[in-house]
C-alpha atoms as a PDB file:
ATOM      1  CA  MET A   1       0.000   0.000   0.000  1.00  0.00           C
ATOM      2  CA  LYS A   2       2.820   2.393   0.865  1.00  0.00           C
ATOM      3  CA  ARG A   3       4.343   1.889  -2.579  1.00  0.00           C
ATOM      4  CA  TYR A   4       1.196   3.147  -4.331  1.00  0.00           C
ATOM      5  CA  VAL A   5       0.838   6.202  -2.115  1.00  0.00           C
ATOM      6  CA  ASN A   6       4.469   7.272  -2.433  1.00  0.00           C
ATOM      7  CA  ARG A   7       4.658   7.144  -6.220  1.00  0.00           C
ATOM      8  CA  ASN A   8       2.569  10.334  -6.566  1.00  0.00           C
ATOM      9  CA  ARG A   9       4.392  12.272  -3.854  1.00  0.00           C
ATOM     10  CA  LYS A  10       7.059  14.794  -4.709  1.00  0.00           C
ATOM     11  CA  GLU A  11       9.945  16.176  -2.726  1.00  0.00           C
ATOM     12  CA  VAL A  12       9.112  19.366  -0.864  1.00  0.00           C
ATOM     13  CA  LYS A  13      11.233  22.359  -1.883  1.00  0.00           C
ATOM     14  CA  GLU A  14      12.989  23.968   1.022  1.00  0.00           C
ATOM     15  CA  TYR A  15      12.410  27.673   1.567  1.00  0.00           C
ATOM     16  CA  LYS A  16      14.239  29.953   3.983  1.00  0.00           C
ATOM     17  CA  VAL A  17      13.079  33.089   5.744  1.00  0.00           C
ATOM     18  CA  GLY A  18      13.702  36.000   3.390  1.00  0.00           C
ATOM     19  CA  ASP A  19      13.278  34.042   0.120  1.00  0.00           C
ATOM     20  CA  LYS A  20      11.134  35.667  -2.553  1.00  0.00           C
ATOM     21  CA  VAL A  21       8.218  33.615  -3.894  1.00  0.00           C
ATOM     22  CA  LEU A  22       5.351  34.023  -6.355  1.00  0.00           C
ATOM     23  CA  ILE A  23       1.761  33.080  -5.415  1.00  0.00           C
ATOM     24  CA  SER A  24      -0.465  31.109  -7.774  1.00  0.00           C
ATOM     25  CA  THR A  25      -3.678  32.869  -8.807  1.00  0.00           C
ATOM     26  CA  LYS A  26      -5.492  29.605  -9.426  1.00  0.00           C
ATOM     27  CA  ASP A  27      -7.562  29.783  -6.222  1.00  0.00           C
ATOM     28  CA  PHE A  28      -8.267  33.520  -6.183  1.00  0.00           C
ATOM     29  CA  LEU A  29     -11.631  34.931  -7.137  1.00  0.00           C
ATOM     30  CA  MET A  30     -11.851  37.017 -10.285  1.00  0.00           C
ATOM     31  CA  LYS A  31     -13.044  39.982  -8.203  1.00  0.00           C
ATOM     32  CA  LEU A  32      -9.722  40.038  -6.412  1.00  0.00           C
ATOM     33  CA  MET A  33      -7.786  39.864  -9.653  1.00  0.00           C
ATOM     34  CA  LYS A  34      -9.959  42.590 -11.279  1.00  0.00           C
ATOM     35  CA  LYS A  35      -9.698  40.967 -14.674  1.00  0.00           C
ATOM     36  CA  ALA A  36     -12.655  40.005 -16.819  1.00  0.00           C
ATOM     37  CA  ILE A  37     -10.967  37.274 -18.821  1.00  0.00           C
ATOM     38  CA  LYS A  38      -9.529  34.287 -16.984  1.00  0.00           C
ATOM     39  CA  LYS A  39      -7.447  33.313 -19.994  1.00  0.00           C
ATOM     40  CA  LEU A  40      -5.452  36.552 -19.847  1.00  0.00           C
ATOM     41  CA  THR A  41      -4.780  36.689 -16.108  1.00  0.00           C
ATOM     42  CA  GLU A  42      -1.321  35.960 -14.809  1.00  0.00           C
ATOM     43  CA  LYS A  43      -0.609  32.501 -13.394  1.00  0.00           C
ATOM     44  CA  TYR A  44       1.570  33.878 -10.608  1.00  0.00           C
ATOM     45  CA  ILE A  45       1.601  37.313  -9.005  1.00  0.00           C
ATOM     46  CA  GLU A  46       4.208  39.553  -7.418  1.00  0.00           C
ATOM     47  CA  PRO A  47       7.248  38.393  -5.504  1.00  0.00           C
ATOM     48  CA  TYR A  48       6.487  38.210  -1.791  1.00  0.00           C
ATOM     49  CA  ILE A  49       8.930  37.516   1.023  1.00  0.00           C
ATOM     50  CA  VAL A  50       8.760  34.422   3.250  1.00  0.00           C
ATOM     51  CA  LYS A  51       8.234  35.760   6.755  1.00  0.00           C
ATOM     52  CA  LYS A  52       8.128  32.527   8.749  1.00  0.00           C
ATOM     53  CA  ILE A  53       8.210  28.771   8.156  1.00  0.00           C
ATOM     54  CA  ILE A  54       5.387  27.141  10.109  1.00  0.00           C
ATOM     55  CA  LEU A  55       5.593  23.500   8.989  1.00  0.00           C
ATOM     56  CA  GLU A  56       7.598  21.701   6.329  1.00  0.00           C
ATOM     57  CA  ASN A  57       4.888  22.441   3.765  1.00  0.00           C
ATOM     58  CA  VAL A  58       3.346  25.660   5.136  1.00  0.00           C
ATOM     59  CA  VAL A  59       4.851  29.165   5.144  1.00  0.00           C
ATOM     60  CA  GLU A  60       3.729  32.622   6.210  1.00  0.00           C
ATOM     61  CA  LEU A  61       4.256  35.449   3.720  1.00  0.00           C
ATOM     62  CA  GLU A  62       4.434  39.229   3.970  1.00  0.00           C
ATOM     63  CA  LEU A  63       1.363  40.134   1.901  1.00  0.00           C
ATOM     64  CA  LEU A  64      -0.176  43.462   1.003  1.00  0.00           C
ATOM     65  CA  MET A  65      -3.491  44.415   2.615  1.00  0.00           C
ATOM     66  CA  LEU A  66      -4.973  44.884  -0.858  1.00  0.00           C
ATOM     67  CA  LEU A  67      -4.694  41.162  -1.582  1.00  0.00           C
ATOM     68  CA  ARG A  68      -7.206  40.257   1.175  1.00  0.00           C
ATOM     69  CA  THR A  69      -6.091  36.686   1.618  1.00  0.00           C
ATOM     70  CA  HIS A  70      -4.641  34.759   4.521  1.00  0.00           C
ATOM     71  CA  PRO A  71      -0.838  35.113   4.788  1.00  0.00           C
ATOM     72  CA  VAL A  72      -0.313  31.425   5.614  1.00  0.00           C
ATOM     73  CA  VAL A  73      -0.120  29.359   2.409  1.00  0.00           C
ATOM     74  CA  ASN A  74       0.702  25.824   1.373  1.00  0.00           C
ATOM     75  CA  MET A  75       3.847  25.062  -0.642  1.00  0.00           C
ATOM     76  CA  ARG A  76       1.725  23.944  -3.607  1.00  0.00           C
ATOM     77  CA  ARG A  77       0.539  27.531  -4.160  1.00  0.00           C
ATOM     78  CA  ILE A  78       3.983  29.135  -4.335  1.00  0.00           C
ATOM     79  CA  VAL A  79       7.061  28.949  -6.544  1.00  0.00           C
ATOM     80  CA  LYS A  80      10.525  30.461  -6.130  1.00  0.00           C
ATOM     81  CA  TYR A  81      11.114  33.845  -7.730  1.00  0.00           C
END
């Protein structure tokens, strides 16, 4: 059973405090992105700084108040800048 579960898992990228990352816009509402056409919106937005590492797959970011989202995000939603 363990063999089947582990074949779809990937290695977690290690981030450090102070690294710059981009956030995926996949889960944001279109109102927040202020774009009418989903096809033309960016896949990732602005470089943000990693403020704190909470767990091995969860980090806290320094976000702008305009973004109106929770600053704690999963590693799947970010990529290195």
